[in-house]
Amino acid sequence: LREAEARYGSMLCVGVDPEPGRFPAGWKGDAGRIFDFCAAIVDATADLVIAFKPQIAYFAAHRAEDQLERLIAHIRRVAPAVPVILDAKRGDIGATAEQYAREAFERYRADAVTLSPFMGFDSIEPYLRYEGKGAILLCRTSNPGGDDLQAQALAGGDRLFEHIARLAAGPWNRSGQLGLVVGATYPAEGARVRELAPTLPLLIPGIGAQGGDIEATVRAGGRRMIVNSSRAILYASGGEDFAVAAAA
């Protein structure tokens, strides 16, 4: 991540959320063209970003997991310095977590995966057995419903998202492999997470279609930020120039 940041001078992550119904004419509605569409986006933006983040549900819903494998292999070829974050938000324990980790890092060969920390450290640990791979934990998410749990005060005085940040920056980060998801829609909370976890990479969703404030987010988060935008880039144009528009 540091290498890509230095090489490309960027904080941008392209979220790869393919919706065939929004593809340009000729490909519109054709799930068999998911790889073609996403590969064109990758080719057009590879020298502008510090990460690509395919969201697994957008592939699995169309029985396109094989196209996801091909896409990540394609990113490896055309942008070997750019990390791939598999956005899967897994959260389970024991042998099941081991299988999810195997899926992310052996089948798809992702560099990092998003996880829910709700079930505690033993749901995270199987991913940390993969040396050099990252686990990015949901902390303060961009959706309004995140308040239902993440903003709740605990007995010790911390809000839940603050407790997660402390754990991720401290006892859970035994091998330096953890990062946190912090939504751009809550810049004040993002600044608090950065205060508690000053060195962890922060994956920032919520820019673009969700209305996050990019300037406030950058001020709050400082360095080691992975600022994600998905739909605003993928569908910058509905025409044949979609890849050129995405790069612009």
Protein backbone atom coordinates (compact mmCIF):
# COMPACT_ATOMS: atom_id res chain seq x y z
CA LEU A 1 0.00 0.00 0.00
CA ARG A 2 2.82 2.42 0.86
CA GLU A 3 4.54 1.57 -2.42
CA ALA A 4 1.42 2.28 -4.47
CA GLU A 5 0.81 5.50 -2.53
CA ALA A 6 4.35 6.71 -3.25
CA ARG A 7 4.32 5.61 -6.89
CA TYR A 8 0.96 7.06 -7.89
CA GLY A 9 0.58 9.95 -5.44
CA SER A 10 -2.99 8.89 -4.76
CA MET A 11 -5.41 7.94 -2.00
CA LEU A 12 -8.03 6.58 -4.39
CA CYS A 13 -9.49 3.10 -4.39
CA VAL A 14 -11.85 2.07 -7.18
CA GLY A 15 -14.70 -0.03 -5.84
CA VAL A 16 -15.54 -2.64 -8.46
CA ASP A 17 -19.29 -3.22 -8.12
CA PRO A 18 -20.47 -4.36 -11.57
CA GLU A 19 -24.17 -3.98 -12.35
CA PRO A 20 -24.90 -5.39 -15.84
CA GLY A 21 -28.07 -3.31 -16.06
CA ARG A 22 -25.87 -0.18 -16.07
CA PHE A 23 -23.36 -1.41 -18.68
CA PRO A 24 -23.10 0.53 -21.95
CA ALA A 25 -25.37 -0.33 -24.86
CA GLY A 26 -24.43 -3.63 -26.48
CA TRP A 27 -23.32 -5.05 -23.13
CA LYS A 28 -26.32 -3.81 -21.12
CA GLY A 29 -27.84 -6.60 -19.03
CA ASP A 30 -25.23 -9.17 -20.12
CA ALA A 31 -23.62 -10.70 -17.02
CA GLY A 32 -21.23 -12.56 -19.30
CA ARG A 33 -19.48 -9.22 -19.93
CA ILE A 34 -18.72 -8.48 -16.27
CA PHE A 35 -15.03 -9.30 -16.71
CA ASP A 36 -14.79 -7.23 -19.90
CA PHE A 37 -16.39 -4.19 -18.27
CA CYS A 38 -14.33 -4.38 -15.08
CA ALA A 39 -11.06 -5.09 -16.90
CA ALA A 40 -11.61 -1.99 -19.04
CA ILE A 41 -12.07 0.08 -15.88
CA VAL A 42 -8.90 -1.40 -14.38
CA ASP A 43 -6.88 -0.73 -17.53
CA ALA A 44 -8.04 2.90 -17.62
CA THR A 45 -7.39 3.68 -13.94
CA ALA A 46 -4.46 1.45 -12.94
CA ASP A 47 -1.97 4.32 -12.75
CA LEU A 48 -4.31 6.57 -10.77
CA VAL A 49 -5.18 4.44 -7.75
CA ILE A 50 -3.69 2.74 -4.70
CA ALA A 51 -6.19 -0.13 -4.52
CA PHE A 52 -8.99 -1.93 -6.31
CA LYS A 53 -11.89 -3.23 -4.19
CA PRO A 54 -14.14 -5.79 -5.90
CA GLN A 55 -17.35 -6.40 -3.93
CA ILE A 56 -17.96 -10.14 -4.04
CA ALA A 57 -21.77 -9.94 -3.95
CA TYR A 58 -21.88 -8.16 -7.32
CA PHE A 59 -20.13 -11.15 -8.87
CA ALA A 60 -21.75 -13.98 -6.90
CA ALA A 61 -25.27 -12.71 -7.59
CA HIS A 62 -24.63 -13.28 -11.31
CA ARG A 63 -22.78 -16.60 -10.88
CA ALA A 64 -19.68 -14.70 -11.97
CA GLU A 65 -17.15 -15.83 -9.37
CA ASP A 66 -15.00 -17.22 -12.18
CA GLN A 67 -14.97 -13.75 -13.74
CA LEU A 68 -13.86 -12.33 -10.38
CA GLU A 69 -10.94 -14.76 -10.34
CA ARG A 70 -10.01 -13.69 -13.88
CA LEU A 71 -10.33 -10.03 -12.94
CA ILE A 72 -7.99 -10.27 -9.97
CA ALA A 73 -5.49 -12.20 -12.11
CA HIS A 74 -5.80 -9.41 -14.69
CA ILE A 75 -5.08 -6.76 -12.04
CA ARG A 76 -1.99 -8.74 -11.05
CA ARG A 77 -0.75 -8.56 -14.63
CA VAL A 78 -1.49 -4.93 -15.49
CA ALA A 79 -1.10 -3.32 -12.04
CA PRO A 80 1.15 -5.57 -9.94
CA ALA A 81 1.93 -2.73 -7.50
CA VAL A 82 -1.75 -2.05 -6.72
CA PRO A 83 -3.29 -4.03 -3.83
CA VAL A 84 -6.61 -5.84 -4.24
CA ILE A 85 -9.09 -5.66 -1.36
CA LEU A 86 -11.84 -8.29 -1.51
CA ASP A 87 -14.91 -6.62 -0.04
CA ALA A 88 -16.67 -9.61 1.53
CA LYS A 89 -17.42 -8.46 5.11
CA ARG A 90 -17.09 -12.01 6.38
CA GLY A 91 -17.60 -12.78 10.07
CA ASP A 92 -17.48 -16.30 11.50
CA ILE A 93 -15.38 -18.45 13.81
CA GLY A 94 -13.25 -21.56 13.78
CA ALA A 95 -13.18 -23.85 10.79
CA THR A 96 -15.67 -21.68 8.89
CA ALA A 97 -13.43 -18.62 9.24
CA GLU A 98 -10.54 -20.73 8.00
CA GLN A 99 -12.50 -21.55 4.85
CA TYR A 100 -13.43 -17.92 4.26
CA ALA A 101 -9.75 -16.98 4.65
CA ARG A 102 -8.81 -19.68 2.18
CA GLU A 103 -11.42 -18.33 -0.25
CA ALA A 104 -10.08 -14.78 -0.03
CA PHE A 105 -6.37 -15.48 -0.13
CA GLU A 106 -5.97 -18.76 -1.99
CA ARG A 107 -8.90 -18.86 -4.41
CA TYR A 108 -9.13 -15.16 -5.22
CA ARG A 109 -5.55 -14.22 -4.26
CA ALA A 110 -6.65 -10.93 -2.72
CA ASP A 111 -4.19 -8.86 -0.70
CA ALA A 112 -6.75 -7.97 1.96
CA VAL A 113 -10.34 -8.72 2.91
CA THR A 114 -13.02 -6.78 4.78
CA LEU A 115 -14.33 -8.45 7.93
CA SER A 116 -16.96 -7.91 10.60
CA PRO A 117 -15.33 -8.01 14.06
CA PHE A 118 -18.60 -8.66 15.90
CA MET A 119 -17.66 -12.24 16.88
CA GLY A 120 -14.33 -11.23 18.39
CA PHE A 121 -10.65 -11.96 17.79
CA ASP A 122 -11.07 -15.68 17.11
CA SER A 123 -13.11 -14.71 14.04
CA ILE A 124 -10.17 -12.56 12.82
CA GLU A 125 -7.20 -14.75 13.70
CA PRO A 126 -7.50 -17.31 10.85
CA TYR A 127 -6.95 -14.52 8.31
CA LEU A 128 -3.80 -13.36 10.10
CA ARG A 129 -2.16 -16.74 9.50
CA TYR A 130 -1.59 -15.61 5.93
CA GLU A 131 1.66 -13.69 6.08
CA GLY A 132 1.54 -10.34 4.30
CA LYS A 133 -2.24 -10.36 3.91
CA GLY A 134 -4.53 -7.73 5.41
CA ALA A 135 -7.77 -7.84 7.39
CA ILE A 136 -9.77 -4.60 7.31
CA LEU A 137 -12.33 -4.49 10.11
CA LEU A 138 -15.67 -2.70 10.02
CA CYS A 139 -15.40 0.10 12.57
CA ARG A 140 -17.53 3.17 11.78
CA THR A 141 -19.44 2.36 8.63
CA SER A 142 -20.95 4.88 6.21
CA ASN A 143 -24.60 3.82 6.55
CA PRO A 144 -27.04 5.63 8.89
CA GLY A 145 -27.98 2.34 10.57
CA GLY A 146 -24.43 2.03 11.86
CA ASP A 147 -25.56 4.18 14.79
CA ASP A 148 -27.72 1.30 16.04
CA LEU A 149 -24.63 -0.47 17.39
CA GLN A 150 -21.42 1.39 16.53
CA ALA A 151 -22.35 4.63 18.31
CA GLN A 152 -23.58 2.95 21.49
CA ALA A 153 -21.67 3.70 24.69
CA LEU A 154 -20.02 0.83 26.53
CA ALA A 155 -19.61 0.46 30.28
CA GLY A 156 -16.06 1.81 30.13
CA GLY A 157 -17.19 5.01 28.39
CA ASP A 158 -16.03 4.23 24.84
CA ARG A 159 -18.50 4.01 22.04
CA LEU A 160 -18.37 0.64 20.29
CA PHE A 161 -16.49 1.94 17.25
CA GLU A 162 -13.87 3.47 19.55
CA HIS A 163 -13.44 0.14 21.32
CA ILE A 164 -12.95 -1.62 17.98
CA ALA A 165 -10.34 0.96 16.97
CA ARG A 166 -8.45 0.46 20.24
CA LEU A 167 -8.45 -3.32 19.81
CA ALA A 168 -7.33 -3.12 16.19
CA ALA A 169 -4.51 -0.70 16.99
CA GLY A 170 -3.47 -2.66 20.08
CA PRO A 171 -3.84 -6.28 21.19
CA TRP A 172 -5.45 -7.61 18.01
CA ASN A 173 -2.78 -6.21 15.68
CA ARG A 174 -0.16 -8.77 16.61
CA SER A 175 1.45 -8.93 13.18
CA GLY A 176 0.67 -5.50 11.75
CA GLN A 177 -1.98 -6.82 9.35
CA LEU A 178 -5.09 -4.91 10.43
CA GLY A 179 -6.88 -1.89 8.99
CA LEU A 180 -10.25 -0.27 9.67
CA VAL A 181 -13.30 0.74 7.64
CA VAL A 182 -14.40 4.29 8.47
CA GLY A 183 -17.15 5.96 6.46
CA ALA A 184 -16.62 9.36 4.85
CA THR A 185 -20.14 10.27 5.94
CA TYR A 186 -18.90 10.63 9.54
CA PRO A 187 -15.70 12.73 9.38
CA ALA A 188 -15.70 13.63 13.09
CA GLU A 189 -15.84 9.97 14.06
CA GLY A 190 -13.18 9.30 11.44
CA ALA A 191 -10.90 11.81 13.12
CA ARG A 192 -11.49 10.05 16.43
CA VAL A 193 -10.61 6.67 14.90
CA ARG A 194 -7.42 8.15 13.47
CA GLU A 195 -6.56 9.50 16.93
CA LEU A 196 -6.97 6.03 18.44
CA ALA A 197 -5.31 4.16 15.56
CA PRO A 198 -2.69 6.57 14.17
CA THR A 199 -0.79 4.09 12.01
CA LEU A 200 -3.50 1.76 10.69
CA PRO A 201 -4.69 1.97 7.07
CA LEU A 202 -8.22 3.35 6.90
CA LEU A 203 -10.54 2.20 4.12
CA ILE A 204 -12.96 5.07 3.52
CA PRO A 205 -16.27 4.29 1.74
CA GLY A 206 -19.06 6.80 1.26
CA ILE A 207 -17.51 9.20 -1.26
CA GLY A 208 -19.52 9.93 -4.39
CA ALA A 209 -22.98 8.41 -4.55
CA GLN A 210 -23.31 8.28 -0.73
CA GLY A 211 -22.46 11.98 -0.39
CA GLY A 212 -19.35 11.87 1.82
CA ASP A 213 -17.32 15.08 2.13
CA ILE A 214 -13.94 14.35 0.54
CA GLU A 215 -12.16 17.42 1.98
CA ALA A 216 -13.36 16.80 5.53
CA THR A 217 -12.45 13.13 5.19
CA VAL A 218 -8.88 13.81 4.09
CA ARG A 219 -8.39 16.36 6.87
CA ALA A 220 -9.67 13.85 9.42
CA GLY A 221 -7.79 10.81 8.22
CA GLY A 222 -4.34 12.02 7.26
CA ARG A 223 -1.98 9.45 5.76
CA ARG A 224 -2.58 5.73 5.14
CA MET A 225 -6.02 6.40 3.71
CA ILE A 226 -7.74 4.29 1.04
CA VAL A 227 -10.58 6.49 -0.21
CA ASN A 228 -13.09 4.39 -2.10
CA SER A 229 -15.41 5.47 -4.88
CA SER A 230 -17.45 2.95 -6.83
CA ARG A 231 -20.51 4.00 -8.83
CA ALA A 232 -19.31 7.56 -9.52
CA ILE A 233 -16.30 6.11 -11.36
CA LEU A 234 -17.73 2.92 -12.88
CA TYR A 235 -20.73 4.70 -14.38
CA ALA A 236 -19.23 8.11 -15.13
CA SER A 237 -20.58 7.52 -18.65
CA GLY A 238 -23.19 5.15 -20.03
CA GLY A 239 -21.66 5.23 -23.49
CA GLU A 240 -18.81 3.50 -25.24
CA ASP A 241 -16.41 6.01 -23.66
CA PHE A 242 -17.16 4.62 -20.16
CA ALA A 243 -13.52 3.68 -19.45
CA VAL A 244 -12.19 7.06 -20.60
CA ALA A 245 -14.82 8.80 -18.44
CA ALA A 246 -13.88 6.61 -15.48
CA ALA A 247 -10.25 7.64 -15.79
CA ALA A 248 -11.21 11.31 -16.03
